[in-house]
């Protein structure tokens, strides 16, 4: 059976696709008890990730300025993010200088970057820097910007932007809150948008890592137009119409299938 975080990620994936979920359907889908499903829904409701109703739950419409915390986002679409991370890591080679933005998808990418030698990694993510500090190759150098800390644990603002001005990197791997033909790649945080734009300006290539649920979502501030992305790595849950629109705008569209859960045989964790 799945761990609690895996179950809740699957629940949110179902919710993002259909807009509503029923307890009875989730019991069958997840192979757990009615009580376990209800406990998961209560926990996700408490985190503001869904609206609990009688017999199930409804999706919560996010305003353009809404910014969930890192922990809340980390349980969403885990399989898709892992597949995107693996594909994006194949674009990184020993000796490169890269920048990595804050976000749960780029955090998953960092787990793979840790095994690549002689990298120079510039990041404004506390989580990314921590992973590379703990598990990164001994030849890897990490430059963590300063700045104000956001709910998603990004360091942003004038201090962050100032620290980037004299740098030059081969590629910038950027996570996003939303992607849309008109709005491009966006975020709900104005200062994070400014910081990411500074990293785009200092990089030779922009590589965006975004799961399919980001399509059609528009944050408060745009960071880049779709055409500015040399590569967009996303998952196969993207609607056909969206795939066509993105392929027409980005330099290269890489679509991957979600990674199967590798821990389905672990004992279920019942605590919320």
C-alpha atoms as a PDB file:
ATOM      1  CA  UNK A   1       0.000   0.000   0.000  1.00  0.00           C
ATOM      2  CA  UNK A   2       0.983   3.622  -0.467  1.00  0.00           C
ATOM      3  CA  UNK A   3       2.378   5.957   2.147  1.00  0.00           C
ATOM      4  CA  UNK A   4       0.179   8.824   3.352  1.00  0.00           C
ATOM      5  CA  UNK A   5       2.034  11.413   1.224  1.00  0.00           C
ATOM      6  CA  UNK A   6       1.675   9.222  -1.872  1.00  0.00           C
ATOM      7  CA  UNK A   7      -2.051   8.696  -1.279  1.00  0.00           C
ATOM      8  CA  UNK A   8      -2.648  12.400  -0.840  1.00  0.00           C
ATOM      9  CA  UNK A   9      -0.678  13.197  -3.970  1.00  0.00           C
ATOM     10  CA  UNK A  10      -2.856  10.746  -5.919  1.00  0.00           C
ATOM     11  CA  UNK A  11      -6.003  12.310  -4.445  1.00  0.00           C
ATOM     12  CA  UNK A  12      -4.881  15.770  -5.571  1.00  0.00           C
ATOM     13  CA  UNK A  13      -4.044  14.431  -9.038  1.00  0.00           C
ATOM     14  CA  UNK A  14      -7.572  13.033  -9.364  1.00  0.00           C
ATOM     15  CA  UNK A  15      -8.995  16.293  -8.090  1.00  0.00           C
ATOM     16  CA  UNK A  16      -6.985  18.408 -10.540  1.00  0.00           C
ATOM     17  CA  UNK A  17      -8.306  16.312 -13.437  1.00  0.00           C
ATOM     18  CA  UNK A  18     -11.988  16.027 -12.485  1.00  0.00           C
ATOM     19  CA  UNK A  19     -12.563  18.898 -10.065  1.00  0.00           C
ATOM     20  CA  UNK A  20     -14.258  16.561  -7.600  1.00  0.00           C
ATOM     21  CA  UNK A  21     -13.607  13.219  -5.891  1.00  0.00           C
ATOM     22  CA  UNK A  22     -15.833  10.794  -3.972  1.00  0.00           C
ATOM     23  CA  UNK A  23     -14.772   8.797  -0.939  1.00  0.00           C
ATOM     24  CA  UNK A  24     -16.163   5.576  -2.400  1.00  0.00           C
ATOM     25  CA  UNK A  25     -14.137   5.989  -5.602  1.00  0.00           C
ATOM     26  CA  UNK A  26     -10.967   6.790  -3.670  1.00  0.00           C
ATOM     27  CA  UNK A  27     -11.357   3.713  -1.476  1.00  0.00           C
ATOM     28  CA  UNK A  28     -11.350   1.544  -4.604  1.00  0.00           C
ATOM     29  CA  UNK A  29      -8.592   3.504  -6.348  1.00  0.00           C
ATOM     30  CA  UNK A  30      -6.197   3.580  -3.393  1.00  0.00           C
ATOM     31  CA  UNK A  31      -7.031   0.199  -1.888  1.00  0.00           C
ATOM     32  CA  UNK A  32      -7.427   1.572   1.645  1.00  0.00           C
ATOM     33  CA  UNK A  33     -10.243   1.898   4.154  1.00  0.00           C
ATOM     34  CA  UNK A  34     -13.012   4.477   4.150  1.00  0.00           C
ATOM     35  CA  UNK A  35     -11.581   5.886   7.394  1.00  0.00           C
ATOM     36  CA  UNK A  36      -8.100   6.328   5.862  1.00  0.00           C
ATOM     37  CA  UNK A  37      -9.516   8.231   2.879  1.00  0.00           C
ATOM     38  CA  UNK A  38     -11.556  10.505   5.131  1.00  0.00           C
ATOM     39  CA  UNK A  39      -8.489  11.177   7.276  1.00  0.00           C
ATOM     40  CA  UNK A  40      -6.524  12.123   4.136  1.00  0.00           C
ATOM     41  CA  UNK A  41      -9.283  14.483   3.007  1.00  0.00           C
ATOM     42  CA  UNK A  42      -9.338  16.167   6.415  1.00  0.00           C
ATOM     43  CA  UNK A  43      -5.552  16.664   6.282  1.00  0.00           C
ATOM     44  CA  UNK A  44      -5.660  18.104   2.752  1.00  0.00           C
ATOM     45  CA  UNK A  45      -8.581  20.353   3.688  1.00  0.00           C
ATOM     46  CA  UNK A  46      -6.608  21.619   6.685  1.00  0.00           C
ATOM     47  CA  UNK A  47      -3.714  22.503   4.352  1.00  0.00           C
ATOM     48  CA  UNK A  48      -6.091  24.424   2.088  1.00  0.00           C
ATOM     49  CA  UNK A  49      -5.594  22.051  -0.856  1.00  0.00           C
ATOM     50  CA  UNK A  50      -9.246  21.021  -1.267  1.00  0.00           C
ATOM     51  CA  UNK A  51     -12.750  21.751   0.019  1.00  0.00           C
ATOM     52  CA  UNK A  52     -14.164  18.828   1.988  1.00  0.00           C
ATOM     53  CA  UNK A  53     -17.864  18.144   1.361  1.00  0.00           C
ATOM     54  CA  UNK A  54     -20.255  15.341   2.304  1.00  0.00           C
ATOM     55  CA  UNK A  55     -19.083  12.149   0.628  1.00  0.00           C
ATOM     56  CA  UNK A  56     -15.970  13.603  -0.969  1.00  0.00           C
ATOM     57  CA  UNK A  57     -14.155  16.819  -1.849  1.00  0.00           C
ATOM     58  CA  UNK A  58     -14.055  19.680  -4.354  1.00  0.00           C
ATOM     59  CA  UNK A  59     -11.109  21.459  -5.945  1.00  0.00           C
ATOM     60  CA  UNK A  60     -10.230  24.861  -4.535  1.00  0.00           C
ATOM     61  CA  UNK A  61      -9.949  27.615  -7.120  1.00  0.00           C
ATOM     62  CA  UNK A  62      -6.720  29.517  -6.498  1.00  0.00           C
ATOM     63  CA  UNK A  63      -6.589  33.312  -6.884  1.00  0.00           C
ATOM     64  CA  UNK A  64      -3.729  34.632  -8.989  1.00  0.00           C
ATOM     65  CA  UNK A  65      -1.864  35.804  -5.888  1.00  0.00           C
ATOM     66  CA  UNK A  66      -2.228  32.520  -3.951  1.00  0.00           C
ATOM     67  CA  UNK A  67       1.093  30.905  -3.063  1.00  0.00           C
ATOM     68  CA  UNK A  68       1.014  27.483  -1.300  1.00  0.00           C
ATOM     69  CA  UNK A  69       3.968  26.549   0.894  1.00  0.00           C
ATOM     70  CA  UNK A  70       6.647  24.051  -0.134  1.00  0.00           C
ATOM     71  CA  UNK A  71       5.313  21.246   2.071  1.00  0.00           C
ATOM     72  CA  UNK A  72       1.784  21.657   0.718  1.00  0.00           C
ATOM     73  CA  UNK A  73       2.961  21.539  -2.901  1.00  0.00           C
ATOM     74  CA  UNK A  74       5.364  18.648  -2.360  1.00  0.00           C
ATOM     75  CA  UNK A  75       2.542  16.081  -2.051  1.00  0.00           C
ATOM     76  CA  UNK A  76       0.997  17.073  -5.383  1.00  0.00           C
ATOM     77  CA  UNK A  77       1.677  15.110  -8.612  1.00  0.00           C
ATOM     78  CA  UNK A  78       4.773  13.377  -7.247  1.00  0.00           C
ATOM     79  CA  UNK A  79       4.931  10.773 -10.053  1.00  0.00           C
ATOM     80  CA  UNK A  80       4.798  13.429 -12.758  1.00  0.00           C
ATOM     81  CA  UNK A  81       7.428  15.577 -11.070  1.00  0.00           C
ATOM     82  CA  UNK A  82       9.812  12.647 -10.713  1.00  0.00           C
ATOM     83  CA  UNK A  83       9.493  11.808 -14.424  1.00  0.00           C
ATOM     84  CA  UNK A  84      10.089  15.449 -15.367  1.00  0.00           C
ATOM     85  CA  UNK A  85      13.087  15.616 -13.042  1.00  0.00           C
ATOM     86  CA  UNK A  86      14.723  12.553 -14.595  1.00  0.00           C
ATOM     87  CA  UNK A  87      14.268  13.884 -18.127  1.00  0.00           C
ATOM     88  CA  UNK A  88      15.544  17.357 -17.222  1.00  0.00           C
ATOM     89  CA  UNK A  89      18.620  15.890 -15.512  1.00  0.00           C
ATOM     90  CA  UNK A  90      19.642  14.316 -18.815  1.00  0.00           C
ATOM     91  CA  UNK A  91      20.220  17.847 -20.118  1.00  0.00           C
ATOM     92  CA  UNK A  92      22.931  18.449 -17.503  1.00  0.00           C
ATOM     93  CA  UNK A  93      26.522  17.306 -18.036  1.00  0.00           C
ATOM     94  CA  UNK A  94      29.653  17.377 -15.839  1.00  0.00           C
ATOM     95  CA  UNK A  95      31.377  20.741 -15.805  1.00  0.00           C
ATOM     96  CA  UNK A  96      28.282  22.839 -16.529  1.00  0.00           C
ATOM     97  CA  UNK A  97      27.323  25.985 -14.658  1.00  0.00           C
ATOM     98  CA  UNK A  98      23.563  26.043 -14.128  1.00  0.00           C
ATOM     99  CA  UNK A  99      20.943  27.969 -12.201  1.00  0.00           C
ATOM    100  CA  UNK A 100      18.017  26.256 -10.479  1.00  0.00           C
ATOM    101  CA  UNK A 101      14.909  28.056  -9.253  1.00  0.00           C
ATOM    102  CA  UNK A 102      12.871  27.269  -6.174  1.00  0.00           C
ATOM    103  CA  UNK A 103       9.995  24.794  -6.398  1.00  0.00           C
ATOM    104  CA  UNK A 104       9.068  21.179  -5.770  1.00  0.00           C
ATOM    105  CA  UNK A 105       9.779  20.053  -9.342  1.00  0.00           C
ATOM    106  CA  UNK A 106      13.237  21.611  -9.339  1.00  0.00           C
ATOM    107  CA  UNK A 107      13.776  20.090  -5.898  1.00  0.00           C
ATOM    108  CA  UNK A 108      13.096  16.662  -7.456  1.00  0.00           C
ATOM    109  CA  UNK A 109      15.563  17.553 -10.225  1.00  0.00           C
ATOM    110  CA  UNK A 110      18.231  18.327  -7.624  1.00  0.00           C
ATOM    111  CA  UNK A 111      18.102  14.757  -6.312  1.00  0.00           C
ATOM    112  CA  UNK A 112      19.458  13.700  -9.731  1.00  0.00           C
ATOM    113  CA  UNK A 113      21.924  16.594 -10.061  1.00  0.00           C
ATOM    114  CA  UNK A 114      23.564  15.438  -6.840  1.00  0.00           C
ATOM    115  CA  UNK A 115      25.182  12.565  -8.732  1.00  0.00           C
ATOM    116  CA  UNK A 116      26.709  14.692 -11.523  1.00  0.00           C
ATOM    117  CA  UNK A 117      30.311  15.776 -10.991  1.00  0.00           C
ATOM    118  CA  UNK A 118      31.990  19.162 -11.277  1.00  0.00           C
ATOM    119  CA  UNK A 119      28.819  21.250 -11.434  1.00  0.00           C
ATOM    120  CA  UNK A 120      28.462  24.873 -10.430  1.00  0.00           C
ATOM    121  CA  UNK A 121      24.904  25.439  -9.245  1.00  0.00           C
ATOM    122  CA  UNK A 122      23.421  28.879  -8.590  1.00  0.00           C
ATOM    123  CA  UNK A 123      20.100  28.772  -6.756  1.00  0.00           C
ATOM    124  CA  UNK A 124      17.703  30.892  -4.743  1.00  0.00           C
ATOM    125  CA  UNK A 125      16.140  27.774  -3.202  1.00  0.00           C
ATOM    126  CA  UNK A 126      16.924  26.820   0.381  1.00  0.00           C
ATOM    127  CA  UNK A 127      15.771  23.261  -0.349  1.00  0.00           C
ATOM    128  CA  UNK A 128      17.908  22.865  -3.479  1.00  0.00           C
ATOM    129  CA  UNK A 129      21.004  24.140  -1.699  1.00  0.00           C
ATOM    130  CA  UNK A 130      20.356  21.801   1.228  1.00  0.00           C
ATOM    131  CA  UNK A 131      20.083  18.701  -0.977  1.00  0.00           C
ATOM    132  CA  UNK A 132      23.328  19.503  -2.784  1.00  0.00           C
ATOM    133  CA  UNK A 133      25.089  20.285   0.504  1.00  0.00           C
ATOM    134  CA  UNK A 134      24.044  16.959   2.036  1.00  0.00           C
ATOM    135  CA  UNK A 135      24.258  14.574  -0.935  1.00  0.00           C
ATOM    136  CA  UNK A 136      25.955  16.409  -3.798  1.00  0.00           C
ATOM    137  CA  UNK A 137      29.183  15.272  -5.438  1.00  0.00           C
ATOM    138  CA  UNK A 138      32.275  16.603  -3.663  1.00  0.00           C
ATOM    139  CA  UNK A 139      33.293  18.458  -6.836  1.00  0.00           C
ATOM    140  CA  UNK A 140      30.040  20.423  -7.017  1.00  0.00           C
ATOM    141  CA  UNK A 141      30.018  24.100  -6.013  1.00  0.00           C
ATOM    142  CA  UNK A 142      26.803  25.739  -4.798  1.00  0.00           C
ATOM    143  CA  UNK A 143      26.076  29.461  -4.737  1.00  0.00           C
ATOM    144  CA  UNK A 144      22.974  30.324  -2.695  1.00  0.00           C
ATOM    145  CA  UNK A 145      21.636  33.825  -3.207  1.00  0.00           C
ATOM    146  CA  UNK A 146      20.533  35.943  -0.306  1.00  0.00           C
ATOM    147  CA  UNK A 147      17.137  37.596  -0.126  1.00  0.00           C
ATOM    148  CA  UNK A 148      13.718  37.520   1.499  1.00  0.00           C
ATOM    149  CA  UNK A 149      12.265  34.059   2.087  1.00  0.00           C
ATOM    150  CA  UNK A 150       8.874  33.293   0.491  1.00  0.00           C
ATOM    151  CA  UNK A 151       6.248  30.713   1.587  1.00  0.00           C
ATOM    152  CA  UNK A 152       7.747  28.337  -1.023  1.00  0.00           C
ATOM    153  CA  UNK A 153      11.231  28.812   0.492  1.00  0.00           C
ATOM    154  CA  UNK A 154      12.612  30.898  -2.355  1.00  0.00           C
ATOM    155  CA  UNK A 155      15.051  33.727  -1.642  1.00  0.00           C
ATOM    156  CA  UNK A 156      13.902  36.775  -3.588  1.00  0.00           C
ATOM    157  CA  UNK A 157      14.101  40.535  -3.844  1.00  0.00           C
ATOM    158  CA  UNK A 158      16.847  43.139  -4.384  1.00  0.00           C
ATOM    159  CA  UNK A 159      19.559  41.196  -2.546  1.00  0.00           C
ATOM    160  CA  UNK A 160      18.902  38.074  -4.640  1.00  0.00           C
ATOM    161  CA  UNK A 161      18.814  40.049  -7.896  1.00  0.00           C
ATOM    162  CA  UNK A 162      22.014  41.922  -7.020  1.00  0.00           C
ATOM    163  CA  UNK A 163      23.896  38.670  -6.374  1.00  0.00           C
ATOM    164  CA  UNK A 164      23.004  37.434  -9.874  1.00  0.00           C
ATOM    165  CA  UNK A 165      24.096  40.454 -11.900  1.00  0.00           C
ATOM    166  CA  UNK A 166      27.714  39.427 -12.450  1.00  0.00           C
ATOM    167  CA  UNK A 167      27.028  35.729 -13.121  1.00  0.00           C
ATOM    168  CA  UNK A 168      26.743  33.752 -16.352  1.00  0.00           C
ATOM    169  CA  UNK A 169      25.375  30.193 -16.523  1.00  0.00           C
ATOM    170  CA  UNK A 170      24.849  27.638 -19.291  1.00  0.00           C
ATOM    171  CA  UNK A 171      21.219  26.930 -18.439  1.00  0.00           C
ATOM    172  CA  UNK A 172      18.502  27.978 -16.009  1.00  0.00           C
ATOM    173  CA  UNK A 173      16.091  25.268 -14.825  1.00  0.00           C
ATOM    174  CA  UNK A 174      12.906  27.033 -13.785  1.00  0.00           C
ATOM    175  CA  UNK A 175       9.785  25.770 -12.051  1.00  0.00           C
ATOM    176  CA  UNK A 176       6.553  27.715 -12.587  1.00  0.00           C
ATOM    177  CA  UNK A 177       3.171  28.261 -10.964  1.00  0.00           C
ATOM    178  CA  UNK A 178       1.332  28.469 -14.281  1.00  0.00           C
ATOM    179  CA  UNK A 179       1.741  28.457 -18.051  1.00  0.00           C
ATOM    180  CA  UNK A 180      -0.592  30.027 -20.578  1.00  0.00           C
ATOM    181  CA  UNK A 181      -0.290  31.168 -24.196  1.00  0.00           C
ATOM    182  CA  UNK A 182      -1.013  34.799 -23.365  1.00  0.00           C
ATOM    183  CA  UNK A 183       0.491  35.070 -19.862  1.00  0.00           C
ATOM    184  CA  UNK A 184       3.476  32.812 -20.533  1.00  0.00           C
ATOM    185  CA  UNK A 185       5.169  31.366 -17.454  1.00  0.00           C
ATOM    186  CA  UNK A 186       3.938  32.997 -14.265  1.00  0.00           C
ATOM    187  CA  UNK A 187       4.105  33.022 -10.466  1.00  0.00           C
ATOM    188  CA  UNK A 188       1.899  34.543  -7.745  1.00  0.00           C
ATOM    189  CA  UNK A 189       4.887  36.231  -6.082  1.00  0.00           C
ATOM    190  CA  UNK A 190       6.068  39.541  -7.567  1.00  0.00           C
ATOM    191  CA  UNK A 191       9.537  39.401  -6.022  1.00  0.00           C
ATOM    192  CA  UNK A 192      10.050  35.794  -7.111  1.00  0.00           C
ATOM    193  CA  UNK A 193       9.091  36.784 -10.641  1.00  0.00           C
ATOM    194  CA  UNK A 194      11.696  39.562 -10.595  1.00  0.00           C
ATOM    195  CA  UNK A 195      14.373  37.201  -9.282  1.00  0.00           C
ATOM    196  CA  UNK A 196      13.604  34.522 -11.878  1.00  0.00           C
ATOM    197  CA  UNK A 197      13.718  37.096 -14.662  1.00  0.00           C
ATOM    198  CA  UNK A 198      17.190  38.073 -13.457  1.00  0.00           C
ATOM    199  CA  UNK A 199      18.272  34.421 -13.693  1.00  0.00           C
ATOM    200  CA  UNK A 200      16.805  34.143 -17.192  1.00  0.00           C
ATOM    201  CA  UNK A 201      18.878  37.140 -18.268  1.00  0.00           C
ATOM    202  CA  UNK A 202      22.081  35.531 -16.930  1.00  0.00           C
ATOM    203  CA  UNK A 203      21.572  32.171 -18.660  1.00  0.00           C
ATOM    204  CA  UNK A 204      22.202  30.951 -22.190  1.00  0.00           C
ATOM    205  CA  UNK A 205      19.165  28.644 -22.195  1.00  0.00           C
ATOM    206  CA  UNK A 206      15.907  28.613 -20.278  1.00  0.00           C
ATOM    207  CA  UNK A 207      14.666  25.112 -19.446  1.00  0.00           C
ATOM    208  CA  UNK A 208      11.225  25.044 -17.837  1.00  0.00           C
ATOM    209  CA  UNK A 209      10.125  22.091 -15.689  1.00  0.00           C
ATOM    210  CA  UNK A 210       6.337  22.110 -15.250  1.00  0.00           C
ATOM    211  CA  UNK A 211       3.773  19.341 -14.815  1.00  0.00           C
ATOM    212  CA  UNK A 212       0.607  19.333 -16.908  1.00  0.00           C
ATOM    213  CA  UNK A 213      -1.584  20.737 -14.117  1.00  0.00           C
ATOM    214  CA  UNK A 214       0.156  24.098 -14.617  1.00  0.00           C
ATOM    215  CA  UNK A 215      -1.429  24.521 -18.051  1.00  0.00           C
ATOM    216  CA  UNK A 216      -4.063  27.273 -18.092  1.00  0.00           C
ATOM    217  CA  UNK A 217      -3.027  28.568 -14.659  1.00  0.00           C
ATOM    218  CA  UNK A 218      -2.121  32.263 -14.540  1.00  0.00           C
ATOM    219  CA  UNK A 219      -0.201  33.731 -11.612  1.00  0.00           C
ATOM    220  CA  UNK A 220      -0.081  37.378 -10.704  1.00  0.00           C
ATOM    221  CA  UNK A 221       3.229  38.090 -12.456  1.00  0.00           C
ATOM    222  CA  UNK A 222       4.665  36.780 -15.725  1.00  0.00           C
ATOM    223  CA  UNK A 223       8.315  35.718 -15.731  1.00  0.00           C
ATOM    224  CA  UNK A 224       8.797  34.864 -19.405  1.00  0.00           C
ATOM    225  CA  UNK A 225       6.890  34.278 -22.605  1.00  0.00           C
ATOM    226  CA  UNK A 226       6.502  30.700 -23.813  1.00  0.00           C
ATOM    227  CA  UNK A 227       8.818  31.416 -26.752  1.00  0.00           C
ATOM    228  CA  UNK A 228      11.669  32.255 -24.361  1.00  0.00           C
ATOM    229  CA  UNK A 229      11.914  28.614 -23.255  1.00  0.00           C
ATOM    230  CA  UNK A 230      14.546  26.650 -25.160  1.00  0.00           C
ATOM    231  CA  UNK A 231      13.069  23.481 -23.638  1.00  0.00           C
ATOM    232  CA  UNK A 232       9.860  22.720 -21.747  1.00  0.00           C
ATOM    233  CA  UNK A 233       9.733  19.391 -19.915  1.00  0.00           C
ATOM    234  CA  UNK A 234       6.217  18.324 -18.927  1.00  0.00           C
ATOM    235  CA  UNK A 235       4.147  15.162 -18.552  1.00  0.00           C
ATOM    236  CA  UNK A 236       1.721  13.268 -20.769  1.00  0.00           C
ATOM    237  CA  UNK A 237      -1.334  14.467 -18.828  1.00  0.00           C
ATOM    238  CA  UNK A 238      -1.257  17.594 -20.966  1.00  0.00           C
ATOM    239  CA  UNK A 239      -4.387  17.967 -23.172  1.00  0.00           C
ATOM    240  CA  UNK A 240      -3.774  17.557 -26.914  1.00  0.00           C
ATOM    241  CA  UNK A 241      -4.758  21.162 -27.576  1.00  0.00           C
ATOM    242  CA  UNK A 242      -2.243  22.350 -25.002  1.00  0.00           C
ATOM    243  CA  UNK A 243       0.516  20.177 -26.472  1.00  0.00           C
ATOM    244  CA  UNK A 244      -0.064  21.724 -29.859  1.00  0.00           C
ATOM    245  CA  UNK A 245      -0.056  25.255 -28.521  1.00  0.00           C
ATOM    246  CA  UNK A 246       3.118  24.709 -26.515  1.00  0.00           C
ATOM    247  CA  UNK A 247       4.904  22.967 -29.395  1.00  0.00           C
ATOM    248  CA  UNK A 248       4.193  26.034 -31.530  1.00  0.00           C
ATOM    249  CA  UNK A 249       5.845  28.372 -29.030  1.00  0.00           C
ATOM    250  CA  UNK A 250       8.662  26.700 -27.080  1.00  0.00           C
ATOM    251  CA  UNK A 251      11.944  25.702 -28.685  1.00  0.00           C
ATOM    252  CA  UNK A 252      11.580  22.011 -27.784  1.00  0.00           C
ATOM    253  CA  UNK A 253       8.698  20.251 -26.037  1.00  0.00           C
ATOM    254  CA  UNK A 254       9.685  17.138 -24.043  1.00  0.00           C
ATOM    255  CA  UNK A 255       6.716  15.064 -22.843  1.00  0.00           C
ATOM    256  CA  UNK A 256       7.272  12.228 -20.365  1.00  0.00           C
ATOM    257  CA  UNK A 257       5.051   9.558 -18.808  1.00  0.00           C
ATOM    258  CA  UNK A 258       4.599   9.619 -15.007  1.00  0.00           C
ATOM    259  CA  UNK A 259       6.932   7.360 -13.052  1.00  0.00           C
ATOM    260  CA  UNK A 260       5.217   4.367 -11.425  1.00  0.00           C
ATOM    261  CA  UNK A 261       5.304   4.461  -7.655  1.00  0.00           C
ATOM    262  CA  UNK A 262       8.268   2.399  -6.501  1.00  0.00           C
ATOM    263  CA  UNK A 263       7.058   2.069  -2.924  1.00  0.00           C
ATOM    264  CA  UNK A 264       3.563   0.644  -3.458  1.00  0.00           C
ATOM    265  CA  UNK A 265       4.569  -2.420  -1.479  1.00  0.00           C
ATOM    266  CA  UNK A 266       5.317  -0.413   1.674  1.00  0.00           C
ATOM    267  CA  UNK A 267       2.945  -0.715   4.614  1.00  0.00           C
ATOM    268  CA  UNK A 268       0.230   1.912   4.773  1.00  0.00           C
ATOM    269  CA  UNK A 269       0.865   4.775   7.153  1.00  0.00           C
ATOM    270  CA  UNK A 270      -2.422   5.510   8.882  1.00  0.00           C
ATOM    271  CA  UNK A 271      -1.495   8.628  10.825  1.00  0.00           C
ATOM    272  CA  UNK A 272      -2.537  11.939   9.326  1.00  0.00           C
END
